[in-house]
Amino acid sequence: MNKLLIALGVLVVIALMAFGWYQSGYNQMIGLDQQVKSSWAQVENQLQRRFDLIPNLVNTVKGYASHEKDILEEVTRLRSQWGQAANIPDKVAAANSLGGALSRLLMVSENYPNLKADQSFLELQSQLEGTENRIAVERMRYNQAVEQFNTYQLSLFGSFFASITHLTQPAVYFKAPEQAEQAPVVKF
């Protein structure tokens, strides 16, 4: 009878340990997935801030540089693409393209001394620079969350919990666009 109670006690302890391991691993997988989603939401918040600044910037530049029609139309078109993107990879691609177009738009402003001196343009440019810095920080945080999620997902026990939670697809990193590898050409 004593041996039966000891064996039963050992089985209960093993069952509790197994349940604790299962609960811990399952909760970690869910927590990492939520961290990726939360980090992406912060990236989107900053991209939305940039998105909201663009019409004011374009209208300010239009007043001074009306013959720079191509770049203004490109910025407007890319802004629309970002607004219509349905998933993270599409939003990443649209945001990268929009960032490049905005850089070209700001470089165009170098040719217009009156525009560079305009207070509303300077304020918009400053807000946009601050927003770009915020986007960079949030992209970094998002990529860190993705790295943690993907690393856990590929680990021995993480892959088990990934299959149980149906979170088997690796999260997508926010990468710099290919044209970012080359410095922009500035002509004086």
C-alpha atoms as a PDB file:
ATOM      1  CA  MET A   1       0.000   0.000   0.000  1.00  0.00           C
ATOM      2  CA  ASN A   2       2.861   2.369   0.883  1.00  0.00           C
ATOM      3  CA  LYS A   3       4.622   1.619  -2.418  1.00  0.00           C
ATOM      4  CA  LEU A   4       1.383   2.266  -4.299  1.00  0.00           C
ATOM      5  CA  LEU A   5       1.013   5.702  -2.668  1.00  0.00           C
ATOM      6  CA  ILE A   6       4.644   6.573  -3.439  1.00  0.00           C
ATOM      7  CA  ALA A   7       4.259   5.484  -7.064  1.00  0.00           C
ATOM      8  CA  LEU A   8       1.020   7.459  -7.356  1.00  0.00           C
ATOM      9  CA  GLY A   9       2.713  10.505  -5.810  1.00  0.00           C
ATOM     10  CA  VAL A  10       5.618  10.226  -8.258  1.00  0.00           C
ATOM     11  CA  LEU A  11       3.172   9.990 -11.170  1.00  0.00           C
ATOM     12  CA  VAL A  12       1.284  13.062  -9.957  1.00  0.00           C
ATOM     13  CA  VAL A  13       4.549  15.031  -9.631  1.00  0.00           C
ATOM     14  CA  ILE A  14       5.633  13.937 -13.140  1.00  0.00           C
ATOM     15  CA  ALA A  15       2.211  14.876 -14.540  1.00  0.00           C
ATOM     16  CA  LEU A  16       2.364  18.306 -12.871  1.00  0.00           C
ATOM     17  CA  MET A  17       5.882  18.883 -14.191  1.00  0.00           C
ATOM     18  CA  ALA A  18       4.837  17.873 -17.716  1.00  0.00           C
ATOM     19  CA  PHE A  19       1.807  20.162 -17.539  1.00  0.00           C
ATOM     20  CA  GLY A  20       3.991  23.038 -16.279  1.00  0.00           C
ATOM     21  CA  TRP A  21       6.466  22.489 -19.136  1.00  0.00           C
ATOM     22  CA  TYR A  22       3.625  22.347 -21.675  1.00  0.00           C
ATOM     23  CA  GLN A  23       1.947  25.466 -20.290  1.00  0.00           C
ATOM     24  CA  SER A  24       5.223  27.389 -20.178  1.00  0.00           C
ATOM     25  CA  GLY A  25       6.200  26.519 -23.758  1.00  0.00           C
ATOM     26  CA  TYR A  26       2.718  27.158 -25.123  1.00  0.00           C
ATOM     27  CA  ASN A  27       2.464  30.514 -23.356  1.00  0.00           C
ATOM     28  CA  GLN A  28       5.929  31.523 -24.553  1.00  0.00           C
ATOM     29  CA  MET A  29       4.964  30.825 -28.180  1.00  0.00           C
ATOM     30  CA  ILE A  30       1.764  32.857 -27.848  1.00  0.00           C
ATOM     31  CA  GLY A  31       3.613  35.663 -26.045  1.00  0.00           C
ATOM     32  CA  LEU A  32       6.280  35.897 -28.738  1.00  0.00           C
ATOM     33  CA  ASP A  33       3.615  35.988 -31.452  1.00  0.00           C
ATOM     34  CA  GLN A  34       1.839  38.805 -29.621  1.00  0.00           C
ATOM     35  CA  GLN A  35       5.121  40.673 -29.227  1.00  0.00           C
ATOM     36  CA  VAL A  36       5.675  40.518 -33.010  1.00  0.00           C
ATOM     37  CA  LYS A  37       2.135  41.778 -33.640  1.00  0.00           C
ATOM     38  CA  SER A  38       2.492  44.562 -31.086  1.00  0.00           C
ATOM     39  CA  SER A  39       5.858  45.626 -32.513  1.00  0.00           C
ATOM     40  CA  TRP A  40       4.396  45.680 -36.018  1.00  0.00           C
ATOM     41  CA  ALA A  41       1.529  47.853 -34.767  1.00  0.00           C
ATOM     42  CA  GLN A  42       4.086  50.367 -33.502  1.00  0.00           C
ATOM     43  CA  VAL A  43       5.821  50.378 -36.903  1.00  0.00           C
ATOM     44  CA  GLU A  44       2.445  50.992 -38.537  1.00  0.00           C
ATOM     45  CA  ASN A  45       1.723  53.850 -36.127  1.00  0.00           C
ATOM     46  CA  GLN A  46       4.897  55.618 -37.215  1.00  0.00           C
ATOM     47  CA  LEU A  47       4.303  54.829 -40.891  1.00  0.00           C
ATOM     48  CA  GLN A  48       0.818  56.311 -40.500  1.00  0.00           C
ATOM     49  CA  ARG A  49       2.380  59.443 -39.027  1.00  0.00           C
ATOM     50  CA  ARG A  50       4.606  59.690 -42.112  1.00  0.00           C
ATOM     51  CA  PHE A  51       1.580  58.949 -44.306  1.00  0.00           C
ATOM     52  CA  ASP A  52      -0.319  61.832 -42.684  1.00  0.00           C
ATOM     53  CA  LEU A  53       2.559  64.319 -43.138  1.00  0.00           C
ATOM     54  CA  ILE A  54       3.003  63.642 -46.849  1.00  0.00           C
ATOM     55  CA  PRO A  55       0.047  65.653 -48.252  1.00  0.00           C
ATOM     56  CA  ASN A  56       1.194  68.773 -46.382  1.00  0.00           C
ATOM     57  CA  LEU A  57       4.760  68.314 -47.573  1.00  0.00           C
ATOM     58  CA  VAL A  58       3.696  67.716 -51.179  1.00  0.00           C
ATOM     59  CA  ASN A  59       1.415  70.770 -51.164  1.00  0.00           C
ATOM     60  CA  THR A  60       4.165  72.963 -49.727  1.00  0.00           C
ATOM     61  CA  VAL A  61       6.680  71.791 -52.326  1.00  0.00           C
ATOM     62  CA  LYS A  62       4.072  72.167 -55.115  1.00  0.00           C
ATOM     63  CA  GLY A  63       3.858  75.873 -54.454  1.00  0.00           C
ATOM     64  CA  TYR A  64       7.577  76.319 -55.112  1.00  0.00           C
ATOM     65  CA  ALA A  65       8.460  73.504 -57.470  1.00  0.00           C
ATOM     66  CA  SER A  66       5.482  72.985 -59.720  1.00  0.00           C
ATOM     67  CA  HIS A  67       7.660  71.676 -62.546  1.00  0.00           C
ATOM     68  CA  GLU A  68       8.872  68.777 -60.361  1.00  0.00           C
ATOM     69  CA  LYS A  69       5.623  67.042 -61.244  1.00  0.00           C
ATOM     70  CA  ASP A  70       7.059  63.520 -61.635  1.00  0.00           C
ATOM     71  CA  ILE A  71       8.427  63.220 -58.109  1.00  0.00           C
ATOM     72  CA  LEU A  72       5.283  64.752 -56.595  1.00  0.00           C
ATOM     73  CA  GLU A  73       3.084  62.280 -58.494  1.00  0.00           C
ATOM     74  CA  GLU A  74       5.332  59.382 -57.500  1.00  0.00           C
ATOM     75  CA  VAL A  75       5.111  60.284 -53.802  1.00  0.00           C
ATOM     76  CA  THR A  76       1.326  60.538 -54.071  1.00  0.00           C
ATOM     77  CA  ARG A  77       1.090  57.202 -55.924  1.00  0.00           C
ATOM     78  CA  LEU A  78       3.305  55.417 -53.412  1.00  0.00           C
ATOM     79  CA  ARG A  79       1.341  56.888 -50.529  1.00  0.00           C
ATOM     80  CA  SER A  80      -1.788  55.331 -52.042  1.00  0.00           C
ATOM     81  CA  GLN A  81      -0.021  51.975 -52.441  1.00  0.00           C
ATOM     82  CA  TRP A  82       0.891  51.938 -48.753  1.00  0.00           C
ATOM     83  CA  GLY A  83      -2.705  52.741 -47.817  1.00  0.00           C
ATOM     84  CA  GLN A  84      -3.959  49.838 -49.956  1.00  0.00           C
ATOM     85  CA  ALA A  85      -1.390  47.236 -48.846  1.00  0.00           C
ATOM     86  CA  ALA A  86      -3.187  44.310 -47.247  1.00  0.00           C
ATOM     87  CA  ASN A  87      -0.397  42.377 -45.519  1.00  0.00           C
ATOM     88  CA  ILE A  88       2.937  42.961 -43.828  1.00  0.00           C
ATOM     89  CA  PRO A  89       5.224  42.119 -46.799  1.00  0.00           C
ATOM     90  CA  ASP A  90       3.233  44.469 -49.064  1.00  0.00           C
ATOM     91  CA  LYS A  91       3.316  47.232 -46.446  1.00  0.00           C
ATOM     92  CA  VAL A  92       7.057  46.776 -45.976  1.00  0.00           C
ATOM     93  CA  ALA A  93       7.643  47.073 -49.734  1.00  0.00           C
ATOM     94  CA  ALA A  94       5.353  50.103 -50.046  1.00  0.00           C
ATOM     95  CA  ALA A  95       6.931  51.819 -47.024  1.00  0.00           C
ATOM     96  CA  ASN A  96      10.428  51.264 -48.420  1.00  0.00           C
ATOM     97  CA  SER A  97       9.459  52.666 -51.820  1.00  0.00           C
ATOM     98  CA  LEU A  98       7.749  55.632 -50.208  1.00  0.00           C
ATOM     99  CA  GLY A  99      10.810  56.345 -48.075  1.00  0.00           C
ATOM    100  CA  GLY A 100      13.004  56.460 -51.172  1.00  0.00           C
ATOM    101  CA  ALA A 101      10.605  58.791 -52.973  1.00  0.00           C
ATOM    102  CA  LEU A 102      10.444  61.098 -49.955  1.00  0.00           C
ATOM    103  CA  SER A 103      14.236  61.261 -49.889  1.00  0.00           C
ATOM    104  CA  ARG A 104      14.248  62.284 -53.556  1.00  0.00           C
ATOM    105  CA  LEU A 105      11.552  64.886 -52.848  1.00  0.00           C
ATOM    106  CA  LEU A 106      13.622  66.387 -50.042  1.00  0.00           C
ATOM    107  CA  MET A 107      16.691  66.385 -52.287  1.00  0.00           C
ATOM    108  CA  VAL A 108      14.695  68.280 -54.950  1.00  0.00           C
ATOM    109  CA  SER A 109      13.999  70.965 -52.359  1.00  0.00           C
ATOM    110  CA  GLU A 110      17.742  71.748 -52.323  1.00  0.00           C
ATOM    111  CA  ASN A 111      17.258  73.423 -55.722  1.00  0.00           C
ATOM    112  CA  TYR A 112      14.759  75.944 -54.322  1.00  0.00           C
ATOM    113  CA  PRO A 113      16.239  78.419 -51.816  1.00  0.00           C
ATOM    114  CA  ASN A 114      12.837  80.016 -51.151  1.00  0.00           C
ATOM    115  CA  LEU A 115      11.366  76.620 -50.337  1.00  0.00           C
ATOM    116  CA  LYS A 116      14.278  75.784 -48.031  1.00  0.00           C
ATOM    117  CA  ALA A 117      13.616  79.049 -46.174  1.00  0.00           C
ATOM    118  CA  ASP A 118       9.831  78.552 -45.925  1.00  0.00           C
ATOM    119  CA  GLN A 119       8.881  78.060 -42.260  1.00  0.00           C
ATOM    120  CA  SER A 120       6.102  75.544 -42.942  1.00  0.00           C
ATOM    121  CA  PHE A 121       8.450  73.485 -45.126  1.00  0.00           C
ATOM    122  CA  LEU A 122      11.154  73.565 -42.468  1.00  0.00           C
ATOM    123  CA  GLU A 123       8.662  72.471 -39.831  1.00  0.00           C
ATOM    124  CA  LEU A 124       7.322  69.666 -42.026  1.00  0.00           C
ATOM    125  CA  GLN A 125      10.854  68.576 -42.861  1.00  0.00           C
ATOM    126  CA  SER A 126      11.722  68.497 -39.171  1.00  0.00           C
ATOM    127  CA  GLN A 127       8.597  66.478 -38.344  1.00  0.00           C
ATOM    128  CA  LEU A 128       9.358  64.090 -41.174  1.00  0.00           C
ATOM    129  CA  GLU A 129      12.950  63.630 -39.983  1.00  0.00           C
ATOM    130  CA  GLY A 130      11.695  62.902 -36.472  1.00  0.00           C
ATOM    131  CA  THR A 131       9.166  60.457 -37.867  1.00  0.00           C
ATOM    132  CA  GLU A 132      11.837  58.695 -39.928  1.00  0.00           C
ATOM    133  CA  ASN A 133      13.903  58.288 -36.745  1.00  0.00           C
ATOM    134  CA  ARG A 134      10.881  56.865 -34.926  1.00  0.00           C
ATOM    135  CA  ILE A 135      10.242  54.485 -37.813  1.00  0.00           C
ATOM    136  CA  ALA A 136      13.852  53.291 -37.640  1.00  0.00           C
ATOM    137  CA  VAL A 137      13.562  52.624 -33.896  1.00  0.00           C
ATOM    138  CA  GLU A 138      10.259  50.788 -34.261  1.00  0.00           C
ATOM    139  CA  ARG A 139      11.594  48.734 -37.199  1.00  0.00           C
ATOM    140  CA  MET A 140      14.536  47.711 -35.013  1.00  0.00           C
ATOM    141  CA  ARG A 141      12.200  46.695 -32.168  1.00  0.00           C
ATOM    142  CA  TYR A 142       9.977  44.812 -34.596  1.00  0.00           C
ATOM    143  CA  ASN A 143      12.961  42.965 -36.066  1.00  0.00           C
ATOM    144  CA  GLN A 144      14.123  42.054 -32.554  1.00  0.00           C
ATOM    145  CA  ALA A 145      10.672  40.614 -31.786  1.00  0.00           C
ATOM    146  CA  VAL A 146      10.729  38.707 -35.088  1.00  0.00           C
ATOM    147  CA  GLU A 147      14.177  37.346 -34.279  1.00  0.00           C
ATOM    148  CA  GLN A 148      13.021  36.072 -30.871  1.00  0.00           C
ATOM    149  CA  PHE A 149       9.875  34.536 -32.374  1.00  0.00           C
ATOM    150  CA  ASN A 150      11.702  32.856 -35.261  1.00  0.00           C
ATOM    151  CA  THR A 151      14.518  31.598 -33.020  1.00  0.00           C
ATOM    152  CA  TYR A 152      12.096  30.047 -30.550  1.00  0.00           C
ATOM    153  CA  GLN A 153      10.014  28.642 -33.372  1.00  0.00           C
ATOM    154  CA  LEU A 154      13.068  26.853 -34.799  1.00  0.00           C
ATOM    155  CA  SER A 155      14.298  25.506 -31.460  1.00  0.00           C
ATOM    156  CA  LEU A 156      13.679  21.886 -30.509  1.00  0.00           C
ATOM    157  CA  PHE A 157      10.743  22.433 -28.201  1.00  0.00           C
ATOM    158  CA  GLY A 158       9.688  25.701 -29.853  1.00  0.00           C
ATOM    159  CA  SER A 159       8.896  23.888 -33.099  1.00  0.00           C
ATOM    160  CA  PHE A 160       6.649  21.525 -31.109  1.00  0.00           C
ATOM    161  CA  PHE A 161       4.738  24.441 -29.606  1.00  0.00           C
ATOM    162  CA  ALA A 162       4.668  26.276 -32.941  1.00  0.00           C
ATOM    163  CA  SER A 163       2.872  23.328 -34.510  1.00  0.00           C
ATOM    164  CA  ILE A 164       0.423  23.091 -31.609  1.00  0.00           C
ATOM    165  CA  THR A 165      -0.419  26.804 -31.818  1.00  0.00           C
ATOM    166  CA  HIS A 166      -0.457  26.750 -35.647  1.00  0.00           C
ATOM    167  CA  LEU A 167       2.231  29.467 -35.694  1.00  0.00           C
ATOM    168  CA  THR A 168       4.527  27.619 -38.079  1.00  0.00           C
ATOM    169  CA  GLN A 169       5.255  30.460 -40.526  1.00  0.00           C
ATOM    170  CA  PRO A 170       8.329  32.514 -39.633  1.00  0.00           C
ATOM    171  CA  ALA A 171       7.632  36.198 -39.116  1.00  0.00           C
ATOM    172  CA  VAL A 172       8.860  38.571 -41.831  1.00  0.00           C
ATOM    173  CA  TYR A 173      11.754  40.927 -41.129  1.00  0.00           C
ATOM    174  CA  PHE A 174      11.521  44.588 -42.065  1.00  0.00           C
ATOM    175  CA  LYS A 175      14.492  44.963 -44.411  1.00  0.00           C
ATOM    176  CA  ALA A 176      15.940  48.049 -46.007  1.00  0.00           C
ATOM    177  CA  PRO A 177      15.185  48.360 -49.717  1.00  0.00           C
ATOM    178  CA  GLU A 178      17.888  47.292 -52.166  1.00  0.00           C
ATOM    179  CA  GLN A 179      18.488  50.879 -53.316  1.00  0.00           C
ATOM    180  CA  ALA A 180      19.465  51.762 -49.727  1.00  0.00           C
ATOM    181  CA  GLU A 181      22.813  50.053 -50.326  1.00  0.00           C
ATOM    182  CA  GLN A 182      23.882  52.989 -52.504  1.00  0.00           C
ATOM    183  CA  ALA A 183      24.247  56.500 -51.208  1.00  0.00           C
ATOM    184  CA  PRO A 184      22.105  59.060 -53.052  1.00  0.00           C
ATOM    185  CA  VAL A 185      23.914  61.266 -55.542  1.00  0.00           C
ATOM    186  CA  VAL A 186      23.819  64.941 -54.635  1.00  0.00           C
ATOM    187  CA  LYS A 187      24.736  67.413 -57.377  1.00  0.00           C
ATOM    188  CA  PHE A 188      25.664  71.014 -56.665  1.00  0.00           C
END
